[in-house]
Amino acid sequence: MKLNDSAYDVLKWIALIALNAIGVCYKTLAAVWGWPFGEQVLETCTAMALCLGTLIGISTAQYYKDRE
């Protein structure tokens, strides 16, 4: 499956910025306001960011390999 450039850019932004920012923000606010599952939300966002980032990295490596 090949992604177009805009889909790739969106997924990369989600993996590198959005998931991490959401996780840290929720964990911080959970500590301040007593919201539940702060640590679990942070760890889930981190795991999802790592997985998505890895898949994007593999896809990028394959793309450049195919261009050779």
PDB file of N, CA and C in Angstrom:
ATOM      1  N   MET A   1       0.841  -1.181   0.000  1.00  0.00           N
ATOM      2  CA  MET A   1       0.000   0.000   0.000  1.00  0.00           C
ATOM      3  C   MET A   1       0.884   1.241   0.000  1.00  0.00           C
ATOM      4  N   LYS A   2       0.594   2.151  -0.883  1.00  0.00           N
ATOM      5  CA  LYS A   2       1.369   3.384  -0.964  1.00  0.00           C
ATOM      6  C   LYS A   2       0.509   4.551  -0.507  1.00  0.00           C
ATOM      7  N   LEU A   3       1.146   5.442   0.228  1.00  0.00           N
ATOM      8  CA  LEU A   3       0.466   6.635   0.709  1.00  0.00           C
ATOM      9  C   LEU A   3       0.816   7.810  -0.182  1.00  0.00           C
ATOM     10  N   ASN A   4      -0.160   8.699  -0.374  1.00  0.00           N
ATOM     11  CA  ASN A   4       0.187   9.928  -1.067  1.00  0.00           C
ATOM     12  C   ASN A   4       0.907  10.851  -0.086  1.00  0.00           C
ATOM     13  N   ASP A   5       1.501  11.905  -0.603  1.00  0.00           N
ATOM     14  CA  ASP A   5       2.325  12.781   0.234  1.00  0.00           C
ATOM     15  C   ASP A   5       1.549  13.412   1.383  1.00  0.00           C
ATOM     16  N   SER A   6       0.321  13.832   1.133  1.00  0.00           N
ATOM     17  CA  SER A   6      -0.431  14.502   2.195  1.00  0.00           C
ATOM     18  C   SER A   6      -0.816  13.523   3.303  1.00  0.00           C
ATOM     19  N   ALA A   7      -1.175  12.294   2.970  1.00  0.00           N
ATOM     20  CA  ALA A   7      -1.492  11.292   3.987  1.00  0.00           C
ATOM     21  C   ALA A   7      -0.247  10.964   4.805  1.00  0.00           C
ATOM     22  N   TYR A   8       0.880  10.846   4.145  1.00  0.00           N
ATOM     23  CA  TYR A   8       2.151  10.583   4.827  1.00  0.00           C
ATOM     24  C   TYR A   8       2.470  11.712   5.807  1.00  0.00           C
ATOM     25  N   ASP A   9       2.318  12.946   5.348  1.00  0.00           N
ATOM     26  CA  ASP A   9       2.619  14.095   6.211  1.00  0.00           C
ATOM     27  C   ASP A   9       1.713  14.143   7.432  1.00  0.00           C
ATOM     28  N   VAL A  10       0.433  13.830   7.253  1.00  0.00           N
ATOM     29  CA  VAL A  10      -0.509  13.829   8.377  1.00  0.00           C
ATOM     30  C   VAL A  10      -0.143  12.730   9.376  1.00  0.00           C
ATOM     31  N   LEU A  11       0.114  11.529   8.895  1.00  0.00           N
ATOM     32  CA  LEU A  11       0.482  10.435   9.789  1.00  0.00           C
ATOM     33  C   LEU A  11       1.787  10.719  10.530  1.00  0.00           C
ATOM     34  N   LYS A  12       2.733  11.317   9.832  1.00  0.00           N
ATOM     35  CA  LYS A  12       4.009  11.659  10.466  1.00  0.00           C
ATOM     36  C   LYS A  12       3.784  12.697  11.564  1.00  0.00           C
ATOM     37  N   TRP A  13       2.970  13.705  11.310  1.00  0.00           N
ATOM     38  CA  TRP A  13       2.661  14.738  12.306  1.00  0.00           C
ATOM     39  C   TRP A  13       1.966  14.119  13.516  1.00  0.00           C
ATOM     40  N   ILE A  14       1.029  13.206  13.269  1.00  0.00           N
ATOM     41  CA  ILE A  14       0.336  12.527  14.372  1.00  0.00           C
ATOM     42  C   ILE A  14       1.333  11.749  15.220  1.00  0.00           C
ATOM     43  N   ALA A  15       2.232  10.998  14.564  1.00  0.00           N
ATOM     44  CA  ALA A  15       3.184  10.153  15.288  1.00  0.00           C
ATOM     45  C   ALA A  15       4.221  10.966  16.049  1.00  0.00           C
ATOM     46  N   LEU A  16       4.730  12.022  15.436  1.00  0.00           N
ATOM     47  CA  LEU A  16       5.829  12.762  16.038  1.00  0.00           C
ATOM     48  C   LEU A  16       5.381  13.850  17.014  1.00  0.00           C
ATOM     49  N   ILE A  17       4.212  14.419  16.800  1.00  0.00           N
ATOM     50  CA  ILE A  17       3.809  15.570  17.602  1.00  0.00           C
ATOM     51  C   ILE A  17       2.507  15.341  18.359  1.00  0.00           C
ATOM     52  N   ALA A  18       1.438  15.041  17.650  1.00  0.00           N
ATOM     53  CA  ALA A  18       0.104  15.052  18.254  1.00  0.00           C
ATOM     54  C   ALA A  18      -0.066  14.044  19.384  1.00  0.00           C
ATOM     55  N   LEU A  19       0.285  12.787  19.152  1.00  0.00           N
ATOM     56  CA  LEU A  19       0.073  11.769  20.186  1.00  0.00           C
ATOM     57  C   LEU A  19       0.883  12.063  21.445  1.00  0.00           C
ATOM     58  N   ASN A  20       2.119  12.499  21.269  1.00  0.00           N
ATOM     59  CA  ASN A  20       2.940  12.822  22.428  1.00  0.00           C
ATOM     60  C   ASN A  20       2.400  14.033  23.177  1.00  0.00           C
ATOM     61  N   ALA A  21       1.981  15.054  22.448  1.00  0.00           N
ATOM     62  CA  ALA A  21       1.441  16.248  23.089  1.00  0.00           C
ATOM     63  C   ALA A  21       0.152  15.940  23.841  1.00  0.00           C
ATOM     64  N   ILE A  22      -0.713  15.156  23.252  1.00  0.00           N
ATOM     65  CA  ILE A  22      -1.971  14.784  23.901  1.00  0.00           C
ATOM     66  C   ILE A  22      -1.701  13.980  25.166  1.00  0.00           C
ATOM     67  N   GLY A  23      -0.792  13.023  25.079  1.00  0.00           N
ATOM     68  CA  GLY A  23      -0.478  12.196  26.243  1.00  0.00           C
ATOM     69  C   GLY A  23       0.077  12.997  27.404  1.00  0.00           C
ATOM     70  N   VAL A  24       1.049  13.860  27.126  1.00  0.00           N
ATOM     71  CA  VAL A  24       1.655  14.667  28.188  1.00  0.00           C
ATOM     72  C   VAL A  24       0.641  15.661  28.747  1.00  0.00           C
ATOM     73  N   CYS A  25      -0.133  16.271  27.887  1.00  0.00           N
ATOM     74  CA  CYS A  25      -1.149  17.224  28.338  1.00  0.00           C
ATOM     75  C   CYS A  25      -2.158  16.546  29.257  1.00  0.00           C
ATOM     76  N   TYR A  26      -2.654  15.390  28.858  1.00  0.00           N
ATOM     77  CA  TYR A  26      -3.648  14.698  29.685  1.00  0.00           C
ATOM     78  C   TYR A  26      -3.045  14.279  31.025  1.00  0.00           C
ATOM     79  N   LYS A  27      -1.843  13.728  30.992  1.00  0.00           N
ATOM     80  CA  LYS A  27      -1.207  13.294  32.246  1.00  0.00           C
ATOM     81  C   LYS A  27      -1.018  14.468  33.196  1.00  0.00           C
ATOM     82  N   THR A  28      -0.582  15.589  32.678  1.00  0.00           N
ATOM     83  CA  THR A  28      -0.377  16.777  33.506  1.00  0.00           C
ATOM     84  C   THR A  28      -1.697  17.283  34.082  1.00  0.00           C
ATOM     85  N   LEU A  29      -2.702  17.386  33.239  1.00  0.00           N
ATOM     86  CA  LEU A  29      -4.009  17.859  33.715  1.00  0.00           C
ATOM     87  C   LEU A  29      -4.661  16.853  34.661  1.00  0.00           C
ATOM     88  N   ALA A  30      -4.419  15.579  34.445  1.00  0.00           N
ATOM     89  CA  ALA A  30      -4.967  14.556  35.338  1.00  0.00           C
ATOM     90  C   ALA A  30      -4.397  14.716  36.741  1.00  0.00           C
ATOM     91  N   ALA A  31      -3.107  15.050  36.822  1.00  0.00           N
ATOM     92  CA  ALA A  31      -2.492  15.259  38.133  1.00  0.00           C
ATOM     93  C   ALA A  31      -3.052  16.504  38.811  1.00  0.00           C
ATOM     94  N   VAL A  32      -3.313  17.538  38.045  1.00  0.00           N
ATOM     95  CA  VAL A  32      -3.828  18.798  38.607  1.00  0.00           C
ATOM     96  C   VAL A  32      -5.294  18.670  39.007  1.00  0.00           C
ATOM     97  N   TRP A  33      -6.101  18.067  38.163  1.00  0.00           N
ATOM     98  CA  TRP A  33      -7.549  18.046  38.354  1.00  0.00           C
ATOM     99  C   TRP A  33      -8.092  16.721  38.894  1.00  0.00           C
ATOM    100  N   GLY A  34      -7.229  15.763  39.104  1.00  0.00           N
ATOM    101  CA  GLY A  34      -7.682  14.482  39.637  1.00  0.00           C
ATOM    102  C   GLY A  34      -8.422  13.615  38.637  1.00  0.00           C
ATOM    103  N   TRP A  35      -8.106  13.790  37.353  1.00  0.00           N
ATOM    104  CA  TRP A  35      -8.727  12.960  36.327  1.00  0.00           C
ATOM    105  C   TRP A  35      -8.157  11.549  36.413  1.00  0.00           C
ATOM    106  N   PRO A  36      -8.941  10.563  35.987  1.00  0.00           N
ATOM    107  CA  PRO A  36      -8.473   9.173  36.090  1.00  0.00           C
ATOM    108  C   PRO A  36      -7.523   8.777  34.951  1.00  0.00           C
ATOM    109  N   PHE A  37      -6.739   7.763  35.225  1.00  0.00           N
ATOM    110  CA  PHE A  37      -5.937   7.060  34.216  1.00  0.00           C
ATOM    111  C   PHE A  37      -4.893   7.926  33.514  1.00  0.00           C
ATOM    112  N   GLY A  38      -4.326   8.890  34.198  1.00  0.00           N
ATOM    113  CA  GLY A  38      -3.324   9.765  33.582  1.00  0.00           C
ATOM    114  C   GLY A  38      -2.133   9.000  33.039  1.00  0.00           C
ATOM    115  N   GLU A  39      -1.577   8.117  33.850  1.00  0.00           N
ATOM    116  CA  GLU A  39      -0.411   7.346  33.430  1.00  0.00           C
ATOM    117  C   GLU A  39      -0.758   6.406  32.273  1.00  0.00           C
ATOM    118  N   GLN A  40      -1.921   5.796  32.327  1.00  0.00           N
ATOM    119  CA  GLN A  40      -2.328   4.858  31.270  1.00  0.00           C
ATOM    120  C   GLN A  40      -2.548   5.582  29.936  1.00  0.00           C
ATOM    121  N   VAL A  41      -3.133   6.763  29.986  1.00  0.00           N
ATOM    122  CA  VAL A  41      -3.346   7.529  28.752  1.00  0.00           C
ATOM    123  C   VAL A  41      -2.003   7.920  28.151  1.00  0.00           C
ATOM    124  N   LEU A  42      -1.087   8.398  28.988  1.00  0.00           N
ATOM    125  CA  LEU A  42       0.243   8.768  28.499  1.00  0.00           C
ATOM    126  C   LEU A  42       0.946   7.569  27.877  1.00  0.00           C
ATOM    127  N   GLU A  43       0.934   6.437  28.549  1.00  0.00           N
ATOM    128  CA  GLU A  43       1.610   5.247  28.021  1.00  0.00           C
ATOM    129  C   GLU A  43       0.961   4.752  26.733  1.00  0.00           C
ATOM    130  N   THR A  44      -0.354   4.846  26.640  1.00  0.00           N
ATOM    131  CA  THR A  44      -1.054   4.447  25.416  1.00  0.00           C
ATOM    132  C   THR A  44      -0.669   5.344  24.254  1.00  0.00           C
ATOM    133  N   CYS A  45      -0.660   6.656  24.478  1.00  0.00           N
ATOM    134  CA  CYS A  45      -0.273   7.591  23.425  1.00  0.00           C
ATOM    135  C   CYS A  45       1.171   7.361  22.990  1.00  0.00           C
ATOM    136  N   THR A  46       2.047   7.114  23.948  1.00  0.00           N
ATOM    137  CA  THR A  46       3.449   6.855  23.633  1.00  0.00           C
ATOM    138  C   THR A  46       3.603   5.582  22.809  1.00  0.00           C
ATOM    139  N   ALA A  47       2.899   4.534  23.197  1.00  0.00           N
ATOM    140  CA  ALA A  47       2.970   3.270  22.453  1.00  0.00           C
ATOM    141  C   ALA A  47       2.433   3.434  21.036  1.00  0.00           C
ATOM    142  N   MET A  48       1.336   4.158  20.893  1.00  0.00           N
ATOM    143  CA  MET A  48       0.763   4.377  19.563  1.00  0.00           C
ATOM    144  C   MET A  48       1.698   5.211  18.693  1.00  0.00           C
ATOM    145  N   ALA A  49       2.326   6.236  19.284  1.00  0.00           N
ATOM    146  CA  ALA A  49       3.265   7.070  18.537  1.00  0.00           C
ATOM    147  C   ALA A  49       4.466   6.250  18.076  1.00  0.00           C
ATOM    148  N   LEU A  50       4.978   5.408  18.959  1.00  0.00           N
ATOM    149  CA  LEU A  50       6.122   4.561  18.607  1.00  0.00           C
ATOM    150  C   LEU A  50       5.765   3.589  17.492  1.00  0.00           C
ATOM    151  N   CYS A  51       4.627   2.949  17.599  1.00  0.00           N
ATOM    152  CA  CYS A  51       4.195   1.992  16.580  1.00  0.00           C
ATOM    153  C   CYS A  51       4.000   2.678  15.228  1.00  0.00           C
ATOM    154  N   LEU A  52       3.278   3.788  15.226  1.00  0.00           N
ATOM    155  CA  LEU A  52       3.022   4.510  13.981  1.00  0.00           C
ATOM    156  C   LEU A  52       4.317   5.048  13.386  1.00  0.00           C
ATOM    157  N   GLY A  53       5.185   5.590  14.233  1.00  0.00           N
ATOM    158  CA  GLY A  53       6.472   6.090  13.754  1.00  0.00           C
ATOM    159  C   GLY A  53       7.322   4.995  13.146  1.00  0.00           C
ATOM    160  N   THR A  54       7.315   3.813  13.753  1.00  0.00           N
ATOM    161  CA  THR A  54       8.060   2.681  13.224  1.00  0.00           C
ATOM    162  C   THR A  54       7.520   2.260  11.866  1.00  0.00           C
ATOM    163  N   LEU A  55       6.212   2.166  11.746  1.00  0.00           N
ATOM    164  CA  LEU A  55       5.604   1.785  10.467  1.00  0.00           C
ATOM    165  C   LEU A  55       5.912   2.808   9.381  1.00  0.00           C
ATOM    166  N   ILE A  56       5.891   4.090   9.733  1.00  0.00           N
ATOM    167  CA  ILE A  56       6.228   5.141   8.767  1.00  0.00           C
ATOM    168  C   ILE A  56       7.690   5.018   8.361  1.00  0.00           C
ATOM    169  N   GLY A  57       8.559   4.745   9.324  1.00  0.00           N
ATOM    170  CA  GLY A  57       9.984   4.579   9.017  1.00  0.00           C
ATOM    171  C   GLY A  57      10.236   3.409   8.089  1.00  0.00           C
ATOM    172  N   ILE A  58       9.565   2.305   8.327  1.00  0.00           N
ATOM    173  CA  ILE A  58       9.691   1.134   7.457  1.00  0.00           C
ATOM    174  C   ILE A  58       9.186   1.462   6.058  1.00  0.00           C
ATOM    175  N   SER A  59       8.062   2.147   5.984  1.00  0.00           N
ATOM    176  CA  SER A  59       7.497   2.542   4.695  1.00  0.00           C
ATOM    177  C   SER A  59       8.441   3.462   3.937  1.00  0.00           C
ATOM    178  N   THR A  60       9.050   4.401   4.650  1.00  0.00           N
ATOM    179  CA  THR A  60       9.990   5.330   4.014  1.00  0.00           C
ATOM    180  C   THR A  60      11.217   4.594   3.500  1.00  0.00           C
ATOM    181  N   ALA A  61      11.750   3.680   4.289  1.00  0.00           N
ATOM    182  CA  ALA A  61      12.913   2.901   3.860  1.00  0.00           C
ATOM    183  C   ALA A  61      12.577   2.084   2.622  1.00  0.00           C
ATOM    184  N   GLN A  62      11.398   1.475   2.597  1.00  0.00           N
ATOM    185  CA  GLN A  62      10.978   0.694   1.432  1.00  0.00           C
ATOM    186  C   GLN A  62      10.819   1.571   0.205  1.00  0.00           C
ATOM    187  N   TYR A  63      10.271   2.767   0.395  1.00  0.00           N
ATOM    188  CA  TYR A  63      10.091   3.712  -0.711  1.00  0.00           C
ATOM    189  C   TYR A  63      11.439   4.044  -1.358  1.00  0.00           C
ATOM    190  N   TYR A  64      12.425   4.373  -0.526  1.00  0.00           N
ATOM    191  CA  TYR A  64      13.731   4.725  -1.069  1.00  0.00           C
ATOM    192  C   TYR A  64      14.457   3.511  -1.651  1.00  0.00           C
ATOM    193  N   LYS A  65      14.224   2.343  -1.104  1.00  0.00           N
ATOM    194  CA  LYS A  65      14.817   1.127  -1.660  1.00  0.00           C
ATOM    195  C   LYS A  65      14.260   0.847  -3.048  1.00  0.00           C
ATOM    196  N   ASP A  66      12.934   1.044  -3.207  1.00  0.00           N
ATOM    197  CA  ASP A  66      12.286   0.811  -4.508  1.00  0.00           C
ATOM    198  C   ASP A  66      12.731   1.806  -5.563  1.00  0.00           C
ATOM    199  N   ARG A  67      13.183   2.981  -5.157  1.00  0.00           N
ATOM    200  CA  ARG A  67      13.615   4.017  -6.106  1.00  0.00           C
ATOM    201  C   ARG A  67      15.004   3.760  -6.650  1.00  0.00           C
ATOM    202  N   GLU A  68      15.762   2.870  -6.010  1.00  0.00           N
ATOM    203  CA  GLU A  68      17.140   2.593  -6.468  1.00  0.00           C
ATOM    204  C   GLU A  68      17.161   1.811  -7.731  1.00  0.00           C
TER     205      GLU A  68
END
